Amino acid sequence: YCDINDIKQEYLPLCEKIKDDRVLNAYGKLLNYLEETQKRMLNHLQVVSIESEDEILYMDYNTLVNLELIGLNRNNKQESLWSFMDMCKSAMGSRMLKQWIEKPLVNKEEIEKRYDRVEYLVKNFLIRDDLKEKLSNIYDIQRLIARIAMNNANAIDCIRLEKTLREVPEILSLLDNDVFKVSIIPHTGEETTLLSKRAGDKVNLECDLIGKYVEKLLGL
């Protein structure tokens, strides 16, 4: 337990969306508890995402199990809607699908956007097949980044991260369509397609830097 709720300057950009003082107080205590137990800066944390009852249908664990949406064990699919639908090519995709099943959308506009994206991939089967092939070549980038941020990564993790990032520009280019337009620019409401040339160039640059770092670690 940690009773300190002051938020350090480094973390303030992460919690700009929090308007409720009670939530901000709890967030500050959580950050300080993690810093105290981990004994390091939490550089891998992402911007806080606020979930609203106007956007997501909340269901308790018993409801999820009784409706057979997930298995009895949260990490065990068993016979459930999740196990039936999960044909994802990556661990990240499986986790996202599970999250979508556990927290379905209720906002009509957002539901229709998701339908449009599914329809696009159903109709454009060549793009869908290319996506499946590309996604099957990527590693669990979320876990890799967490390991690197916590200084628990090794050279193999860096190589896997590099290989995964090499696939990102091509994956994004396959989704370069208005139907996949999302707001990805931090601190703005500006909408943009998933891919921009600048973003692709930046990913390639990061891959080159990671590759050189791995070569240095291996003494190549």
Protein backbone atom coordinates (compact mmCIF):
# COMPACT_ATOMS: atom_id res chain seq x y z
CA TYR A 1 0.00 0.00 0.00
CA CYS A 2 1.21 3.51 -0.86
CA ASP A 3 -0.40 6.67 0.52
CA ILE A 4 1.56 9.13 -1.67
CA ASN A 5 -0.59 10.55 -4.45
CA ASP A 6 1.72 13.23 -5.90
CA ILE A 7 2.32 12.64 -9.61
CA LYS A 8 5.81 13.36 -10.90
CA GLN A 9 6.33 15.76 -13.78
CA GLU A 10 7.39 12.92 -16.07
CA TYR A 11 3.98 11.24 -15.75
CA LEU A 12 1.73 14.29 -16.11
CA PRO A 13 1.31 13.95 -19.93
CA LEU A 14 -0.04 10.43 -19.33
CA CYS A 15 -2.97 11.56 -17.21
CA GLU A 16 -4.16 14.73 -18.96
CA LYS A 17 -7.49 13.05 -19.79
CA ILE A 18 -8.32 12.45 -16.13
CA LYS A 19 -10.70 15.15 -14.96
CA ASP A 20 -12.03 13.52 -11.78
CA ASP A 21 -9.83 14.39 -8.77
CA ARG A 22 -10.68 11.06 -7.11
CA VAL A 23 -9.45 9.11 -10.13
CA LEU A 24 -6.35 11.30 -10.36
CA ASN A 25 -5.64 10.68 -6.67
CA ALA A 26 -5.94 6.92 -7.14
CA TYR A 27 -3.77 7.06 -10.26
CA GLY A 28 -1.06 8.94 -8.34
CA LYS A 29 -1.06 6.34 -5.56
CA LEU A 30 -0.85 3.54 -8.09
CA LEU A 31 2.12 5.16 -9.86
CA ASN A 32 3.99 5.72 -6.61
CA TYR A 33 3.29 2.15 -5.49
CA LEU A 34 4.69 0.79 -8.75
CA GLU A 35 7.78 2.99 -8.55
CA GLU A 36 8.37 1.95 -4.94
CA THR A 37 8.06 -1.77 -5.70
CA GLN A 38 9.82 -1.75 -9.09
CA LYS A 39 12.58 0.67 -8.02
CA ARG A 40 12.70 2.34 -11.43
CA MET A 41 10.99 4.83 -13.72
CA LEU A 42 7.99 3.40 -15.55
CA ASN A 43 8.94 4.59 -19.02
CA HIS A 44 6.79 2.03 -20.81
CA LEU A 45 3.45 3.33 -19.52
CA GLN A 46 0.99 4.64 -22.09
CA VAL A 47 -1.43 7.55 -21.96
CA VAL A 48 -4.41 6.87 -19.71
CA SER A 49 -7.49 5.71 -21.60
CA ILE A 50 -10.83 6.59 -20.00
CA GLU A 51 -13.63 4.04 -20.47
CA SER A 52 -17.17 5.36 -20.31
CA GLU A 53 -20.45 3.53 -19.70
CA ASP A 54 -21.75 5.38 -22.75
CA GLU A 55 -19.24 3.52 -24.91
CA ILE A 56 -18.79 0.07 -23.36
CA LEU A 57 -21.14 -2.49 -21.83
CA TYR A 58 -19.72 -3.63 -18.51
CA MET A 59 -20.34 -7.22 -17.39
CA ASP A 60 -19.11 -8.88 -14.22
CA TYR A 61 -17.13 -12.12 -14.26
CA ASN A 62 -20.13 -14.36 -13.46
CA THR A 63 -22.07 -12.88 -16.38
CA LEU A 64 -19.17 -13.48 -18.77
CA VAL A 65 -18.89 -17.11 -17.64
CA ASN A 66 -22.61 -17.87 -17.56
CA LEU A 67 -23.03 -16.52 -21.09
CA GLU A 68 -20.00 -18.62 -22.09
CA LEU A 69 -18.24 -15.58 -23.48
CA ILE A 70 -14.98 -16.64 -21.85
CA GLY A 71 -13.81 -19.73 -19.96
CA LEU A 72 -13.93 -20.26 -16.20
CA ASN A 73 -10.26 -19.36 -16.06
CA ARG A 74 -9.56 -15.98 -17.68
CA ASN A 75 -6.42 -17.41 -19.33
CA ASN A 76 -8.15 -20.61 -20.43
CA LYS A 77 -10.46 -20.40 -23.44
CA GLN A 78 -12.26 -23.72 -22.83
CA GLU A 79 -15.58 -23.89 -24.71
CA SER A 80 -16.57 -20.27 -25.13
CA LEU A 81 -17.36 -17.62 -27.70
CA TRP A 82 -13.74 -16.52 -27.46
CA SER A 83 -12.40 -19.99 -28.27
CA PHE A 84 -14.84 -20.29 -31.18
CA MET A 85 -13.93 -16.93 -32.73
CA ASP A 86 -10.21 -16.76 -32.01
CA MET A 87 -8.40 -17.43 -35.26
CA CYS A 88 -6.02 -14.52 -34.70
CA LYS A 89 -2.51 -14.78 -36.09
CA SER A 90 -0.88 -13.01 -33.15
CA ALA A 91 -1.07 -13.08 -29.36
CA MET A 92 -1.93 -9.38 -29.41
CA GLY A 93 -4.89 -10.06 -31.68
CA SER A 94 -6.18 -12.78 -29.37
CA ARG A 95 -5.99 -10.45 -26.39
CA MET A 96 -7.77 -7.67 -28.27
CA LEU A 97 -10.54 -10.04 -29.38
CA LYS A 98 -10.99 -11.16 -25.79
CA GLN A 99 -11.19 -7.54 -24.67
CA TRP A 100 -13.81 -6.80 -27.33
CA ILE A 101 -15.89 -9.77 -26.16
CA GLU A 102 -15.60 -8.83 -22.49
CA LYS A 103 -16.37 -5.16 -23.16
CA PRO A 104 -18.66 -4.87 -26.19
CA LEU A 105 -19.39 -1.48 -27.70
CA VAL A 106 -22.74 0.23 -27.09
CA ASN A 107 -22.16 3.39 -29.12
CA LYS A 108 -23.96 2.95 -32.45
CA GLU A 109 -21.46 5.04 -34.42
CA GLU A 110 -18.48 3.07 -33.12
CA ILE A 111 -20.25 -0.24 -33.76
CA GLU A 112 -20.92 0.75 -37.36
CA LYS A 113 -17.29 1.79 -37.82
CA ARG A 114 -16.20 -1.67 -36.70
CA TYR A 115 -18.74 -3.27 -39.03
CA ASP A 116 -17.38 -1.19 -41.93
CA ARG A 117 -13.84 -2.37 -41.24
CA VAL A 118 -14.91 -6.00 -41.06
CA GLU A 119 -16.90 -5.62 -44.28
CA TYR A 120 -13.90 -4.08 -46.03
CA LEU A 121 -11.67 -7.02 -45.12
CA VAL A 122 -14.36 -9.56 -46.05
CA LYS A 123 -14.78 -8.03 -49.50
CA ASN A 124 -11.07 -7.43 -50.14
CA PHE A 125 -9.90 -11.00 -49.59
CA LEU A 126 -6.48 -10.43 -51.20
CA ILE A 127 -5.68 -7.70 -48.69
CA ARG A 128 -7.05 -9.91 -45.92
CA ASP A 129 -4.81 -12.80 -46.93
CA ASP A 130 -1.76 -10.51 -47.11
CA LEU A 131 -2.59 -9.20 -43.64
CA LYS A 132 -2.88 -12.72 -42.25
CA GLU A 133 0.52 -13.60 -43.69
CA LYS A 134 2.17 -10.46 -42.30
CA LEU A 135 0.57 -10.81 -38.86
CA SER A 136 1.69 -14.43 -38.61
CA ASN A 137 5.30 -13.19 -38.83
CA ILE A 138 5.16 -10.81 -35.87
CA TYR A 139 6.03 -11.48 -32.25
CA ASP A 140 4.22 -10.22 -29.17
CA ILE A 141 5.43 -6.64 -29.37
CA GLN A 142 3.55 -5.57 -26.23
CA ARG A 143 5.38 -8.15 -24.12
CA LEU A 144 8.69 -7.40 -25.82
CA ILE A 145 8.41 -3.66 -25.13
CA ALA A 146 7.50 -4.35 -21.51
CA ARG A 147 10.55 -6.61 -21.09
CA ILE A 148 12.81 -3.98 -22.64
CA ALA A 149 11.35 -1.19 -20.50
CA MET A 150 11.89 -3.27 -17.35
CA ASN A 151 15.50 -4.10 -18.37
CA ASN A 152 14.67 -7.80 -18.58
CA ALA A 153 15.24 -8.18 -22.32
CA ASN A 154 18.05 -10.06 -24.01
CA ALA A 155 19.48 -10.00 -27.54
CA ILE A 156 16.85 -12.44 -28.81
CA ASP A 157 14.08 -10.13 -27.62
CA CYS A 158 15.71 -7.23 -29.49
CA ILE A 159 15.98 -9.31 -32.67
CA ARG A 160 12.30 -10.28 -32.39
CA LEU A 161 11.33 -6.66 -31.89
CA GLU A 162 13.34 -5.62 -34.94
CA LYS A 163 11.73 -8.34 -37.10
CA THR A 164 8.29 -7.33 -35.90
CA LEU A 165 8.82 -3.63 -36.58
CA ARG A 166 10.07 -4.47 -40.08
CA GLU A 167 6.60 -5.81 -40.83
CA VAL A 168 4.76 -2.75 -39.47
CA PRO A 169 5.02 -0.41 -42.51
CA GLU A 170 3.66 -3.08 -44.86
CA ILE A 171 0.85 -3.97 -42.44
CA LEU A 172 -0.13 -0.32 -42.13
CA SER A 173 0.06 0.20 -45.88
CA LEU A 174 -2.47 -2.62 -46.34
CA LEU A 175 -4.81 -0.69 -44.05
CA ASP A 176 -4.27 2.65 -45.80
CA ASN A 177 -7.95 3.24 -46.41
CA ASP A 178 -10.46 5.77 -45.08
CA VAL A 179 -12.42 3.00 -43.37
CA PHE A 180 -9.50 2.56 -40.97
CA LYS A 181 -9.21 6.26 -40.20
CA VAL A 182 -8.53 6.73 -36.49
CA SER A 183 -7.34 9.45 -34.15
CA ILE A 184 -3.72 8.52 -33.45
CA ILE A 185 -2.15 11.94 -32.94
CA PRO A 186 -1.62 12.41 -29.19
CA HIS A 187 -3.31 15.34 -27.44
CA THR A 188 -5.36 16.24 -30.54
CA GLY A 189 -8.65 15.17 -32.01
CA GLU A 190 -7.17 15.08 -35.50
CA GLU A 191 -8.07 12.04 -37.51
CA THR A 192 -5.62 10.45 -39.88
CA THR A 193 -5.23 7.20 -41.76
CA LEU A 194 -3.14 4.59 -40.03
CA LEU A 195 -0.16 5.10 -42.29
CA SER A 196 1.80 8.16 -43.21
CA LYS A 197 5.13 8.15 -45.01
CA ARG A 198 6.71 9.86 -42.02
CA ALA A 199 5.46 7.14 -39.69
CA GLY A 200 6.77 4.40 -41.98
CA ASP A 201 10.15 6.10 -42.26
CA LYS A 202 10.33 6.45 -38.49
CA VAL A 203 9.63 2.75 -37.97
CA ASN A 204 12.34 1.82 -40.46
CA LEU A 205 14.79 4.12 -38.69
CA GLU A 206 13.97 2.52 -35.34
CA CYS A 207 14.54 -0.92 -36.88
CA ASP A 208 17.97 0.12 -38.14
CA LEU A 209 18.91 1.44 -34.69
CA ILE A 210 17.71 -1.76 -32.99
CA GLY A 211 19.59 -3.87 -35.53
CA LYS A 212 22.83 -1.98 -34.89
CA TYR A 213 22.31 -2.29 -31.13
CA VAL A 214 21.81 -6.06 -31.40
CA GLU A 215 24.92 -6.40 -33.56
CA LYS A 216 26.87 -4.51 -30.90
CA LEU A 217 25.52 -6.80 -28.17
CA LEU A 218 26.51 -9.87 -30.16
CA GLY A 219 29.90 -8.43 -31.05
CA LEU A 220 29.26 -8.59 -34.80
